[in-house]
Amino acid sequence: MTYDQILSEIHKKNFAPVYFLTGEEPYFIDMISDTIENEALDEADRAFNQIVLYGRDVDVETIANHARSFPMMGERMVVIVKEAQDVKDLEGFEAYLDAIPETTLLVFAYKYKKFDKRKTLAKKIDKKGVWFESKKLYDSNIPGWIQNYLKGEGYSITPKAMQMLADFLGTDLHKIANELKKLTITLPKNKSIDDADVERNIGISKDYNVFELQNAIGNRDVLKANRIVNYFGDGKDNPLLVTAIALYGYFTKILKLHYAADKSQGALASMLGVNPYFVKDYQLAARNYSPASCVRCISILREFDLKSKGYESGEVSEKDLYREMIFKLMHC
């Protein structure tokens, strides 16, 4: 089952007897676990029939003892094991699984890594209940995730504002969700969030950000690019390392565009992992940067990735490194 399907069934009160939530992305695991914690029982029943355990504090026998308990004057017993990756010898719970009564709803939140699905416990749970693998999202998936999150909250967002948030916030979904909550708390429902809203509520400049830097480089607009990196070099919100990684991805996409067999807008948007609205910007950049230029730029960005970490950079300030990097990229 997918994340959305699992939440839909929980909201309908269609519960599986056991959930094993595992994977590298903690956000989806926490959301499913928290939704079960909040919706499986009425508030009055939780004090008697809901147990929340933490992996570092329990062993498999303790979990089994709680799971074998019967509800007190209620429909079900809910046992949630948070940080289940810290339970020693969790595979040993397989011996207790068949003895868990039908009145128990058992949840394992096994975060930050995958439990081996080849193990007997995994195979049993997959047959008996819900096995969910929570995968990390790629950078290219983040703008769409932001758009869908806001849509679920009753908002739309402009492509530029969406990309600004994605570039600034990275791939930590908990962090992104928290920032989106702060963004929407003062905005009326059904509003289309734009770059000015993002600047005002999140603190990302609508003029001085990685998105605008990419456009300046793609247009070979030396003046604008230097204004942006001068702004970046004066603060700590835009470290060179993060910018270099973002620009590495940018030039990689331009290189892919050069060799794309299908150059229709839809095909390019899908291949590049960008909103169709931005395809024209990449097409313009491709006219300004040949495949050979893109390869040289990628090499330059690798060089400054190392320099940002202190390798052969001497006593040069980050601002000067920014200026040197942009000079080389703009004359590549």
C-alpha atoms as a PDB file:
ATOM      1  CA  MET A   1       0.000   0.000   0.000  1.00  0.00           C
ATOM      2  CA  THR A   2       1.097   3.554  -0.659  1.00  0.00           C
ATOM      3  CA  TYR A   3       1.385   6.273   1.972  1.00  0.00           C
ATOM      4  CA  ASP A   4      -1.832   7.950   0.783  1.00  0.00           C
ATOM      5  CA  GLN A   5      -3.726   4.637   0.686  1.00  0.00           C
ATOM      6  CA  ILE A   6      -2.648   3.777   4.229  1.00  0.00           C
ATOM      7  CA  LEU A   7      -3.759   7.169   5.576  1.00  0.00           C
ATOM      8  CA  SER A   8      -7.049   6.926   3.684  1.00  0.00           C
ATOM      9  CA  GLU A   9      -7.823   3.546   5.255  1.00  0.00           C
ATOM     10  CA  ILE A  10      -6.883   4.807   8.728  1.00  0.00           C
ATOM     11  CA  HIS A  11      -9.192   7.817   8.359  1.00  0.00           C
ATOM     12  CA  LYS A  12     -11.986   5.380   7.408  1.00  0.00           C
ATOM     13  CA  LYS A  13     -11.216   3.343  10.541  1.00  0.00           C
ATOM     14  CA  ASN A  14     -10.177   0.354   8.427  1.00  0.00           C
ATOM     15  CA  PHE A  15      -7.209  -0.792  10.490  1.00  0.00           C
ATOM     16  CA  ALA A  16      -4.794  -3.634   9.796  1.00  0.00           C
ATOM     17  CA  PRO A  17      -3.780  -5.762  12.793  1.00  0.00           C
ATOM     18  CA  VAL A  18      -0.103  -4.836  12.443  1.00  0.00           C
ATOM     19  CA  TYR A  19       1.874  -2.100  10.691  1.00  0.00           C
ATOM     20  CA  PHE A  20       5.593  -2.236  10.057  1.00  0.00           C
ATOM     21  CA  LEU A  21       6.812   1.160   8.888  1.00  0.00           C
ATOM     22  CA  THR A  22      10.437   1.187   7.786  1.00  0.00           C
ATOM     23  CA  GLY A  23      12.796   3.191   5.617  1.00  0.00           C
ATOM     24  CA  GLU A  24      15.134   6.142   5.322  1.00  0.00           C
ATOM     25  CA  GLU A  25      12.487   8.902   5.261  1.00  0.00           C
ATOM     26  CA  PRO A  26      11.171   9.421   8.827  1.00  0.00           C
ATOM     27  CA  TYR A  27       8.437  11.896   7.846  1.00  0.00           C
ATOM     28  CA  PHE A  28       6.053   9.349   6.307  1.00  0.00           C
ATOM     29  CA  ILE A  29       6.662   6.890   9.139  1.00  0.00           C
ATOM     30  CA  ASP A  30       5.939   9.535  11.779  1.00  0.00           C
ATOM     31  CA  MET A  31       2.815  10.732   9.982  1.00  0.00           C
ATOM     32  CA  ILE A  32       1.309   7.241   9.735  1.00  0.00           C
ATOM     33  CA  SER A  33       2.260   6.375  13.312  1.00  0.00           C
ATOM     34  CA  ASP A  34       0.924   9.679  14.678  1.00  0.00           C
ATOM     35  CA  THR A  35      -2.314   9.352  12.718  1.00  0.00           C
ATOM     36  CA  ILE A  36      -2.924   5.907  14.181  1.00  0.00           C
ATOM     37  CA  GLU A  37      -2.064   7.231  17.640  1.00  0.00           C
ATOM     38  CA  ASN A  38      -4.587  10.052  17.265  1.00  0.00           C
ATOM     39  CA  GLU A  39      -7.397   8.264  15.440  1.00  0.00           C
ATOM     40  CA  ALA A  40      -7.419   4.570  16.353  1.00  0.00           C
ATOM     41  CA  LEU A  41      -9.098   5.235  19.710  1.00  0.00           C
ATOM     42  CA  ASP A  42     -11.346   7.881  21.156  1.00  0.00           C
ATOM     43  CA  GLU A  43      -9.597  10.206  23.558  1.00  0.00           C
ATOM     44  CA  ALA A  44     -11.341   8.625  26.550  1.00  0.00           C
ATOM     45  CA  ASP A  45     -10.073   5.133  25.621  1.00  0.00           C
ATOM     46  CA  ARG A  46      -6.446   6.082  25.089  1.00  0.00           C
ATOM     47  CA  ALA A  47      -5.581   6.203  28.780  1.00  0.00           C
ATOM     48  CA  PHE A  48      -6.556   2.534  29.209  1.00  0.00           C
ATOM     49  CA  ASN A  49      -6.039   0.928  25.813  1.00  0.00           C
ATOM     50  CA  GLN A  50      -3.091   2.678  24.154  1.00  0.00           C
ATOM     51  CA  ILE A  51       0.545   1.988  24.952  1.00  0.00           C
ATOM     52  CA  VAL A  52       3.455   3.886  23.378  1.00  0.00           C
ATOM     53  CA  LEU A  53       6.832   2.199  23.760  1.00  0.00           C
ATOM     54  CA  TYR A  54      10.326   3.295  22.730  1.00  0.00           C
ATOM     55  CA  GLY A  55      12.766   0.854  21.201  1.00  0.00           C
ATOM     56  CA  ARG A  56      15.720   1.720  23.398  1.00  0.00           C
ATOM     57  CA  ASP A  57      13.678   0.957  26.546  1.00  0.00           C
ATOM     58  CA  VAL A  58      12.093  -2.397  25.634  1.00  0.00           C
ATOM     59  CA  ASP A  59      12.847  -5.870  24.342  1.00  0.00           C
ATOM     60  CA  VAL A  60      10.725  -8.154  22.164  1.00  0.00           C
ATOM     61  CA  GLU A  61       9.222  -9.947  25.155  1.00  0.00           C
ATOM     62  CA  THR A  62       8.026  -6.662  26.689  1.00  0.00           C
ATOM     63  CA  ILE A  63       6.451  -5.655  23.384  1.00  0.00           C
ATOM     64  CA  ALA A  64       4.782  -9.058  23.114  1.00  0.00           C
ATOM     65  CA  ASN A  65       3.376  -8.849  26.659  1.00  0.00           C
ATOM     66  CA  HIS A  66       1.734  -5.505  25.924  1.00  0.00           C
ATOM     67  CA  ALA A  67       0.498  -6.699  22.535  1.00  0.00           C
ATOM     68  CA  ARG A  68      -1.123  -9.776  24.091  1.00  0.00           C
ATOM     69  CA  SER A  69      -3.127  -7.639  26.520  1.00  0.00           C
ATOM     70  CA  PHE A  70      -6.856  -7.297  25.935  1.00  0.00           C
ATOM     71  CA  PRO A  71      -8.595  -3.918  25.795  1.00  0.00           C
ATOM     72  CA  MET A  72     -10.333  -2.646  28.898  1.00  0.00           C
ATOM     73  CA  MET A  73     -13.968  -1.851  28.054  1.00  0.00           C
ATOM     74  CA  GLY A  74     -13.026  -0.976  24.494  1.00  0.00           C
ATOM     75  CA  GLU A  75     -12.876  -2.284  20.947  1.00  0.00           C
ATOM     76  CA  ARG A  76      -9.110  -2.583  20.571  1.00  0.00           C
ATOM     77  CA  MET A  77      -5.728  -2.365  22.245  1.00  0.00           C
ATOM     78  CA  VAL A  78      -3.224  -0.114  20.451  1.00  0.00           C
ATOM     79  CA  VAL A  79       0.502  -0.723  20.933  1.00  0.00           C
ATOM     80  CA  ILE A  80       2.915   1.613  19.146  1.00  0.00           C
ATOM     81  CA  VAL A  81       6.655   0.928  19.182  1.00  0.00           C
ATOM     82  CA  LYS A  82       8.483   4.138  18.268  1.00  0.00           C
ATOM     83  CA  GLU A  83      12.183   4.085  17.327  1.00  0.00           C
ATOM     84  CA  ALA A  84      11.782   0.359  16.726  1.00  0.00           C
ATOM     85  CA  GLN A  85      15.210   0.264  15.072  1.00  0.00           C
ATOM     86  CA  ASP A  86      16.628   0.421  18.609  1.00  0.00           C
ATOM     87  CA  VAL A  87      14.954  -2.830  19.734  1.00  0.00           C
ATOM     88  CA  LYS A  88      17.578  -5.541  20.134  1.00  0.00           C
ATOM     89  CA  ASP A  89      16.972  -8.727  18.175  1.00  0.00           C
ATOM     90  CA  LEU A  90      13.679  -7.456  16.783  1.00  0.00           C
ATOM     91  CA  GLU A  91      13.609 -10.401  14.384  1.00  0.00           C
ATOM     92  CA  GLY A  92      12.864 -12.530  17.442  1.00  0.00           C
ATOM     93  CA  PHE A  93       9.372 -11.012  17.642  1.00  0.00           C
ATOM     94  CA  GLU A  94       8.417 -13.426  14.857  1.00  0.00           C
ATOM     95  CA  ALA A  95       7.928 -16.120  17.536  1.00  0.00           C
ATOM     96  CA  TYR A  96       5.236 -14.019  19.258  1.00  0.00           C
ATOM     97  CA  LEU A  97       3.397 -12.644  16.225  1.00  0.00           C
ATOM     98  CA  ASP A  98       0.862 -15.445  15.821  1.00  0.00           C
ATOM     99  CA  ALA A  99      -0.130 -15.174  19.506  1.00  0.00           C
ATOM    100  CA  ILE A 100      -1.246 -11.542  19.223  1.00  0.00           C
ATOM    101  CA  PRO A 101      -5.053 -11.341  19.650  1.00  0.00           C
ATOM    102  CA  GLU A 102      -7.289  -9.846  16.945  1.00  0.00           C
ATOM    103  CA  THR A 103      -8.198  -7.018  19.317  1.00  0.00           C
ATOM    104  CA  THR A 104      -4.635  -5.631  19.178  1.00  0.00           C
ATOM    105  CA  LEU A 105      -3.433  -3.026  16.706  1.00  0.00           C
ATOM    106  CA  LEU A 106       0.357  -3.141  16.696  1.00  0.00           C
ATOM    107  CA  VAL A 107       2.633  -0.543  15.055  1.00  0.00           C
ATOM    108  CA  PHE A 108       6.406  -0.678  14.556  1.00  0.00           C
ATOM    109  CA  ALA A 109       8.046   2.621  13.545  1.00  0.00           C
ATOM    110  CA  TYR A 110      11.473   1.482  12.322  1.00  0.00           C
ATOM    111  CA  LYS A 111      13.181   4.646  11.054  1.00  0.00           C
ATOM    112  CA  TYR A 112      16.265   5.870   9.175  1.00  0.00           C
ATOM    113  CA  LYS A 113      17.055   2.498   7.574  1.00  0.00           C
ATOM    114  CA  LYS A 114      15.304  -0.471   6.002  1.00  0.00           C
ATOM    115  CA  PHE A 115      14.471  -3.645   7.862  1.00  0.00           C
ATOM    116  CA  ASP A 116      15.534  -6.669   5.827  1.00  0.00           C
ATOM    117  CA  LYS A 117      12.365  -7.830   4.087  1.00  0.00           C
ATOM    118  CA  ARG A 118      13.887 -11.267   3.498  1.00  0.00           C
ATOM    119  CA  LYS A 119      13.625 -12.063   7.200  1.00  0.00           C
ATOM    120  CA  THR A 120      10.804 -14.258   8.480  1.00  0.00           C
ATOM    121  CA  LEU A 121       9.290 -11.466  10.608  1.00  0.00           C
ATOM    122  CA  ALA A 122       8.993  -9.230   7.553  1.00  0.00           C
ATOM    123  CA  LYS A 123       7.369 -11.951   5.452  1.00  0.00           C
ATOM    124  CA  LYS A 124       4.845 -12.740   8.203  1.00  0.00           C
ATOM    125  CA  ILE A 125       3.892  -9.113   8.755  1.00  0.00           C
ATOM    126  CA  ASP A 126       3.574  -8.539   5.015  1.00  0.00           C
ATOM    127  CA  LYS A 127       0.962 -11.327   4.882  1.00  0.00           C
ATOM    128  CA  LYS A 128      -0.784 -10.427   8.124  1.00  0.00           C
ATOM    129  CA  GLY A 129      -0.861  -6.625   7.965  1.00  0.00           C
ATOM    130  CA  VAL A 130       0.771  -3.601   6.312  1.00  0.00           C
ATOM    131  CA  TRP A 131       4.415  -3.425   5.350  1.00  0.00           C
ATOM    132  CA  PHE A 132       5.406   0.100   4.305  1.00  0.00           C
ATOM    133  CA  GLU A 133       8.794   1.223   3.037  1.00  0.00           C
ATOM    134  CA  SER A 134       9.359   4.967   3.424  1.00  0.00           C
ATOM    135  CA  LYS A 135      11.751   6.137   0.712  1.00  0.00           C
ATOM    136  CA  LYS A 136      13.724   9.370   0.593  1.00  0.00           C
ATOM    137  CA  LEU A 137      12.557  11.789  -2.061  1.00  0.00           C
ATOM    138  CA  TYR A 138      14.943  12.969  -4.745  1.00  0.00           C
ATOM    139  CA  ASP A 139      15.633  16.701  -5.046  1.00  0.00           C
ATOM    140  CA  SER A 140      13.521  16.778  -8.195  1.00  0.00           C
ATOM    141  CA  ASN A 141      10.509  15.422  -6.286  1.00  0.00           C
ATOM    142  CA  ILE A 142      10.516  18.149  -3.626  1.00  0.00           C
ATOM    143  CA  PRO A 143       8.734  20.932  -5.601  1.00  0.00           C
ATOM    144  CA  GLY A 144       5.859  18.574  -6.422  1.00  0.00           C
ATOM    145  CA  TRP A 145       5.686  17.406  -2.818  1.00  0.00           C
ATOM    146  CA  ILE A 146       5.459  21.031  -1.642  1.00  0.00           C
ATOM    147  CA  GLN A 147       2.694  21.708  -4.158  1.00  0.00           C
ATOM    148  CA  ASN A 148       0.695  18.637  -3.065  1.00  0.00           C
ATOM    149  CA  TYR A 149       1.166  19.420   0.630  1.00  0.00           C
ATOM    150  CA  LEU A 150      -0.147  22.955   0.167  1.00  0.00           C
ATOM    151  CA  LYS A 151      -3.014  21.722  -2.005  1.00  0.00           C
ATOM    152  CA  GLY A 152      -4.049  19.439   0.851  1.00  0.00           C
ATOM    153  CA  GLU A 153      -4.057  22.452   3.163  1.00  0.00           C
ATOM    154  CA  GLY A 154      -6.176  24.512   0.768  1.00  0.00           C
ATOM    155  CA  TYR A 155      -3.504  26.583  -0.992  1.00  0.00           C
ATOM    156  CA  SER A 156      -1.897  26.823  -4.403  1.00  0.00           C
ATOM    157  CA  ILE A 157       1.597  28.108  -5.133  1.00  0.00           C
ATOM    158  CA  THR A 158       3.327  29.749  -8.080  1.00  0.00           C
ATOM    159  CA  PRO A 159       6.125  27.801  -9.804  1.00  0.00           C
ATOM    160  CA  LYS A 160       8.779  30.328  -8.767  1.00  0.00           C
ATOM    161  CA  ALA A 161       7.737  30.324  -5.097  1.00  0.00           C
ATOM    162  CA  MET A 162       7.646  26.528  -5.136  1.00  0.00           C
ATOM    163  CA  GLN A 163      11.161  26.304  -6.556  1.00  0.00           C
ATOM    164  CA  MET A 164      12.482  28.921  -4.121  1.00  0.00           C
ATOM    165  CA  LEU A 165      11.246  26.840  -1.204  1.00  0.00           C
ATOM    166  CA  ALA A 166      12.647  23.614  -2.665  1.00  0.00           C
ATOM    167  CA  ASP A 167      16.082  25.157  -3.253  1.00  0.00           C
ATOM    168  CA  PHE A 168      16.237  26.746   0.204  1.00  0.00           C
ATOM    169  CA  LEU A 169      14.772  23.984   2.375  1.00  0.00           C
ATOM    170  CA  GLY A 170      16.456  20.898   0.900  1.00  0.00           C
ATOM    171  CA  THR A 171      14.978  17.409   1.264  1.00  0.00           C
ATOM    172  CA  ASP A 172      14.200  17.208   5.005  1.00  0.00           C
ATOM    173  CA  LEU A 173      10.412  16.753   4.858  1.00  0.00           C
ATOM    174  CA  HIS A 174       9.903  17.475   8.552  1.00  0.00           C
ATOM    175  CA  LYS A 175      11.720  20.792   8.111  1.00  0.00           C
ATOM    176  CA  ILE A 176       9.771  21.601   4.944  1.00  0.00           C
ATOM    177  CA  ALA A 177       6.424  20.785   6.565  1.00  0.00           C
ATOM    178  CA  ASN A 178       7.253  22.978   9.565  1.00  0.00           C
ATOM    179  CA  GLU A 179       8.199  25.902   7.321  1.00  0.00           C
ATOM    180  CA  LEU A 180       5.043  25.463   5.250  1.00  0.00           C
ATOM    181  CA  LYS A 181       2.966  25.578   8.427  1.00  0.00           C
ATOM    182  CA  LYS A 182       4.644  28.848   9.370  1.00  0.00           C
ATOM    183  CA  LEU A 183       4.061  30.130   5.855  1.00  0.00           C
ATOM    184  CA  THR A 184       0.331  29.361   5.790  1.00  0.00           C
ATOM    185  CA  ILE A 185      -0.615  30.271   9.345  1.00  0.00           C
ATOM    186  CA  THR A 186      -1.096  33.947   8.462  1.00  0.00           C
ATOM    187  CA  LEU A 187      -2.428  33.457   4.927  1.00  0.00           C
ATOM    188  CA  PRO A 188      -6.109  33.119   3.982  1.00  0.00           C
ATOM    189  CA  LYS A 189      -7.297  29.787   2.585  1.00  0.00           C
ATOM    190  CA  ASN A 190      -7.406  29.345  -1.202  1.00  0.00           C
ATOM    191  CA  LYS A 191      -4.601  31.892  -1.645  1.00  0.00           C
ATOM    192  CA  SER A 192      -2.056  31.389  -4.397  1.00  0.00           C
ATOM    193  CA  ILE A 193       1.254  31.693  -2.552  1.00  0.00           C
ATOM    194  CA  ASP A 194       3.831  33.718  -4.470  1.00  0.00           C
ATOM    195  CA  ASP A 195       7.484  34.668  -4.069  1.00  0.00           C
ATOM    196  CA  ALA A 196       6.602  37.770  -2.036  1.00  0.00           C
ATOM    197  CA  ASP A 197       4.738  35.585   0.504  1.00  0.00           C
ATOM    198  CA  VAL A 198       7.759  33.311   0.755  1.00  0.00           C
ATOM    199  CA  GLU A 199      10.122  36.245   1.271  1.00  0.00           C
ATOM    200  CA  ARG A 200       7.888  37.826   3.915  1.00  0.00           C
ATOM    201  CA  ASN A 201       7.118  34.669   5.915  1.00  0.00           C
ATOM    202  CA  ILE A 202      10.130  32.385   5.406  1.00  0.00           C
ATOM    203  CA  GLY A 203      12.880  34.952   4.957  1.00  0.00           C
ATOM    204  CA  ILE A 204      14.063  33.818   1.522  1.00  0.00           C
ATOM    205  CA  SER A 205      14.831  36.802  -0.680  1.00  0.00           C
ATOM    206  CA  LYS A 206      12.769  36.717  -3.864  1.00  0.00           C
ATOM    207  CA  ASP A 207      15.637  38.394  -5.731  1.00  0.00           C
ATOM    208  CA  TYR A 208      18.706  36.815  -4.128  1.00  0.00           C
ATOM    209  CA  ASN A 209      18.350  33.032  -4.088  1.00  0.00           C
ATOM    210  CA  VAL A 210      19.714  29.961  -5.866  1.00  0.00           C
ATOM    211  CA  PHE A 211      16.806  29.932  -8.319  1.00  0.00           C
ATOM    212  CA  GLU A 212      17.606  33.482  -9.479  1.00  0.00           C
ATOM    213  CA  LEU A 213      21.339  32.703  -9.547  1.00  0.00           C
ATOM    214  CA  GLN A 214      20.714  29.770 -11.886  1.00  0.00           C
ATOM    215  CA  ASN A 215      18.693  31.988 -14.205  1.00  0.00           C
ATOM    216  CA  ALA A 216      21.401  34.664 -14.190  1.00  0.00           C
ATOM    217  CA  ILE A 217      24.061  32.085 -15.066  1.00  0.00           C
ATOM    218  CA  GLY A 218      21.848  30.470 -17.702  1.00  0.00           C
ATOM    219  CA  ASN A 219      21.277  33.900 -19.290  1.00  0.00           C
ATOM    220  CA  ARG A 220      24.972  34.762 -18.896  1.00  0.00           C
ATOM    221  CA  ASP A 221      23.868  37.861 -16.987  1.00  0.00           C
ATOM    222  CA  VAL A 222      27.186  38.667 -15.291  1.00  0.00           C
ATOM    223  CA  LEU A 223      25.922  41.713 -13.396  1.00  0.00           C
ATOM    224  CA  LYS A 224      22.953  39.933 -11.842  1.00  0.00           C
ATOM    225  CA  ALA A 225      24.987  36.839 -10.972  1.00  0.00           C
ATOM    226  CA  ASN A 226      27.623  38.932  -9.193  1.00  0.00           C
ATOM    227  CA  ARG A 227      24.991  40.876  -7.264  1.00  0.00           C
ATOM    228  CA  ILE A 228      23.534  37.610  -6.005  1.00  0.00           C
ATOM    229  CA  VAL A 229      26.847  36.054  -4.957  1.00  0.00           C
ATOM    230  CA  ASN A 230      27.870  39.278  -3.221  1.00  0.00           C
ATOM    231  CA  TYR A 231      24.642  39.000  -1.242  1.00  0.00           C
ATOM    232  CA  PHE A 232      25.314  35.307  -0.548  1.00  0.00           C
ATOM    233  CA  GLY A 233      28.845  36.025   0.619  1.00  0.00           C
ATOM    234  CA  ASP A 234      27.633  38.501   3.262  1.00  0.00           C
ATOM    235  CA  GLY A 235      25.572  35.998   5.215  1.00  0.00           C
ATOM    236  CA  LYS A 236      25.391  32.390   6.401  1.00  0.00           C
ATOM    237  CA  ASP A 237      22.058  31.412   4.838  1.00  0.00           C
ATOM    238  CA  ASN A 238      23.602  30.432   1.486  1.00  0.00           C
ATOM    239  CA  PRO A 239      26.812  28.459   2.083  1.00  0.00           C
ATOM    240  CA  LEU A 240      28.995  27.907  -0.951  1.00  0.00           C
ATOM    241  CA  LEU A 241      28.840  24.124  -0.593  1.00  0.00           C
ATOM    242  CA  VAL A 242      25.031  24.074  -0.871  1.00  0.00           C
ATOM    243  CA  THR A 243      25.068  26.462  -3.833  1.00  0.00           C
ATOM    244  CA  ALA A 244      27.744  24.439  -5.627  1.00  0.00           C
ATOM    245  CA  ILE A 245      25.673  21.255  -5.215  1.00  0.00           C
ATOM    246  CA  ALA A 246      22.565  23.010  -6.571  1.00  0.00           C
ATOM    247  CA  LEU A 247      24.473  24.383  -9.577  1.00  0.00           C
ATOM    248  CA  TYR A 248      25.978  20.945 -10.211  1.00  0.00           C
ATOM    249  CA  GLY A 249      22.436  19.632 -10.580  1.00  0.00           C
ATOM    250  CA  TYR A 250      21.534  22.590 -12.795  1.00  0.00           C
ATOM    251  CA  PHE A 251      24.336  21.995 -15.297  1.00  0.00           C
ATOM    252  CA  THR A 252      23.672  18.258 -15.252  1.00  0.00           C
ATOM    253  CA  LYS A 253      20.113  18.984 -16.374  1.00  0.00           C
ATOM    254  CA  ILE A 254      21.301  21.304 -19.153  1.00  0.00           C
ATOM    255  CA  LEU A 255      23.636  18.539 -20.344  1.00  0.00           C
ATOM    256  CA  LYS A 256      20.756  16.039 -20.330  1.00  0.00           C
ATOM    257  CA  LEU A 257      18.641  18.467 -22.348  1.00  0.00           C
ATOM    258  CA  HIS A 258      21.309  18.621 -25.066  1.00  0.00           C
ATOM    259  CA  TYR A 259      21.135  14.867 -25.575  1.00  0.00           C
ATOM    260  CA  ALA A 260      17.379  14.392 -25.142  1.00  0.00           C
ATOM    261  CA  ALA A 261      15.770  12.521 -28.033  1.00  0.00           C
ATOM    262  CA  ASP A 262      12.334  14.046 -27.415  1.00  0.00           C
ATOM    263  CA  LYS A 263      12.592  17.805 -26.972  1.00  0.00           C
ATOM    264  CA  SER A 264       8.879  18.497 -26.492  1.00  0.00           C
ATOM    265  CA  GLN A 265       8.050  20.547 -23.396  1.00  0.00           C
ATOM    266  CA  GLY A 266       6.292  17.685 -21.615  1.00  0.00           C
ATOM    267  CA  ALA A 267       9.042  15.170 -22.315  1.00  0.00           C
ATOM    268  CA  LEU A 268      11.761  17.580 -21.222  1.00  0.00           C
ATOM    269  CA  ALA A 269       9.898  18.515 -18.025  1.00  0.00           C
ATOM    270  CA  SER A 270       9.548  14.838 -17.149  1.00  0.00           C
ATOM    271  CA  MET A 271      13.172  13.998 -17.957  1.00  0.00           C
ATOM    272  CA  LEU A 272      14.576  17.003 -16.077  1.00  0.00           C
ATOM    273  CA  GLY A 273      12.214  16.634 -13.129  1.00  0.00           C
ATOM    274  CA  VAL A 274      11.073  20.264 -13.320  1.00  0.00           C
ATOM    275  CA  ASN A 275       7.801  22.114 -13.685  1.00  0.00           C
ATOM    276  CA  PRO A 276       6.963  22.556 -17.415  1.00  0.00           C
ATOM    277  CA  TYR A 277       6.907  26.303 -16.701  1.00  0.00           C
ATOM    278  CA  PHE A 278      10.714  26.254 -16.332  1.00  0.00           C
ATOM    279  CA  VAL A 279      11.586  24.245 -19.443  1.00  0.00           C
ATOM    280  CA  LYS A 280      12.081  27.415 -21.505  1.00  0.00           C
ATOM    281  CA  ASP A 281      14.711  28.613 -19.002  1.00  0.00           C
ATOM    282  CA  TYR A 282      16.705  25.402 -19.474  1.00  0.00           C
ATOM    283  CA  GLN A 283      16.341  25.661 -23.254  1.00  0.00           C
ATOM    284  CA  LEU A 284      17.780  29.180 -23.136  1.00  0.00           C
ATOM    285  CA  ALA A 285      20.644  28.026 -20.902  1.00  0.00           C
ATOM    286  CA  ALA A 286      21.366  25.191 -23.357  1.00  0.00           C
ATOM    287  CA  ARG A 287      21.793  27.755 -26.126  1.00  0.00           C
ATOM    288  CA  ASN A 288      24.311  29.614 -23.970  1.00  0.00           C
ATOM    289  CA  TYR A 289      26.174  26.527 -22.737  1.00  0.00           C
ATOM    290  CA  SER A 290      27.251  23.834 -25.168  1.00  0.00           C
ATOM    291  CA  PRO A 291      27.687  20.234 -23.970  1.00  0.00           C
ATOM    292  CA  ALA A 292      31.434  20.848 -23.679  1.00  0.00           C
ATOM    293  CA  SER A 293      30.809  24.022 -21.646  1.00  0.00           C
ATOM    294  CA  CYS A 294      28.490  22.103 -19.317  1.00  0.00           C
ATOM    295  CA  VAL A 295      31.169  19.485 -18.696  1.00  0.00           C
ATOM    296  CA  ARG A 296      33.721  22.218 -17.900  1.00  0.00           C
ATOM    297  CA  CYS A 297      31.241  23.908 -15.540  1.00  0.00           C
ATOM    298  CA  ILE A 298      30.594  20.636 -13.730  1.00  0.00           C
ATOM    299  CA  SER A 299      34.356  20.238 -13.302  1.00  0.00           C
ATOM    300  CA  ILE A 300      34.574  23.789 -11.917  1.00  0.00           C
ATOM    301  CA  LEU A 301      31.803  23.042  -9.419  1.00  0.00           C
ATOM    302  CA  ARG A 302      33.618  19.922  -8.237  1.00  0.00           C
ATOM    303  CA  GLU A 303      36.690  22.089  -7.686  1.00  0.00           C
ATOM    304  CA  PHE A 304      34.749  24.581  -5.562  1.00  0.00           C
ATOM    305  CA  ASP A 305      32.951  21.826  -3.697  1.00  0.00           C
ATOM    306  CA  LEU A 306      36.384  20.796  -2.443  1.00  0.00           C
ATOM    307  CA  LYS A 307      37.500  24.378  -1.791  1.00  0.00           C
ATOM    308  CA  SER A 308      34.344  25.024   0.258  1.00  0.00           C
ATOM    309  CA  LYS A 309      35.471  22.163   2.497  1.00  0.00           C
ATOM    310  CA  GLY A 310      38.897  23.756   2.969  1.00  0.00           C
ATOM    311  CA  TYR A 311      40.835  21.741   0.392  1.00  0.00           C
ATOM    312  CA  GLU A 312      43.577  23.930  -1.149  1.00  0.00           C
ATOM    313  CA  SER A 313      41.573  27.115  -0.496  1.00  0.00           C
ATOM    314  CA  GLY A 314      44.081  28.695   1.887  1.00  0.00           C
ATOM    315  CA  GLU A 315      42.857  31.774   3.733  1.00  0.00           C
ATOM    316  CA  VAL A 316      40.459  32.864   0.978  1.00  0.00           C
ATOM    317  CA  SER A 317      37.077  34.058   2.287  1.00  0.00           C
ATOM    318  CA  GLU A 318      33.872  32.379   1.185  1.00  0.00           C
ATOM    319  CA  LYS A 319      32.829  35.593  -0.538  1.00  0.00           C
ATOM    320  CA  ASP A 320      35.988  35.554  -2.644  1.00  0.00           C
ATOM    321  CA  LEU A 321      35.487  31.884  -3.437  1.00  0.00           C
ATOM    322  CA  TYR A 322      31.943  32.692  -4.571  1.00  0.00           C
ATOM    323  CA  ARG A 323      33.245  35.439  -6.868  1.00  0.00           C
ATOM    324  CA  GLU A 324      35.946  33.203  -8.332  1.00  0.00           C
ATOM    325  CA  MET A 325      33.479  30.374  -8.928  1.00  0.00           C
ATOM    326  CA  ILE A 326      30.969  32.625 -10.684  1.00  0.00           C
ATOM    327  CA  PHE A 327      33.682  34.232 -12.823  1.00  0.00           C
ATOM    328  CA  LYS A 328      34.812  30.798 -14.027  1.00  0.00           C
ATOM    329  CA  LEU A 329      31.248  29.607 -14.687  1.00  0.00           C
ATOM    330  CA  MET A 330      30.297  32.741 -16.602  1.00  0.00           C
ATOM    331  CA  HIS A 331      33.384  32.477 -18.807  1.00  0.00           C
ATOM    332  CA  CYS A 332      33.239  28.752 -19.350  1.00  0.00           C
END
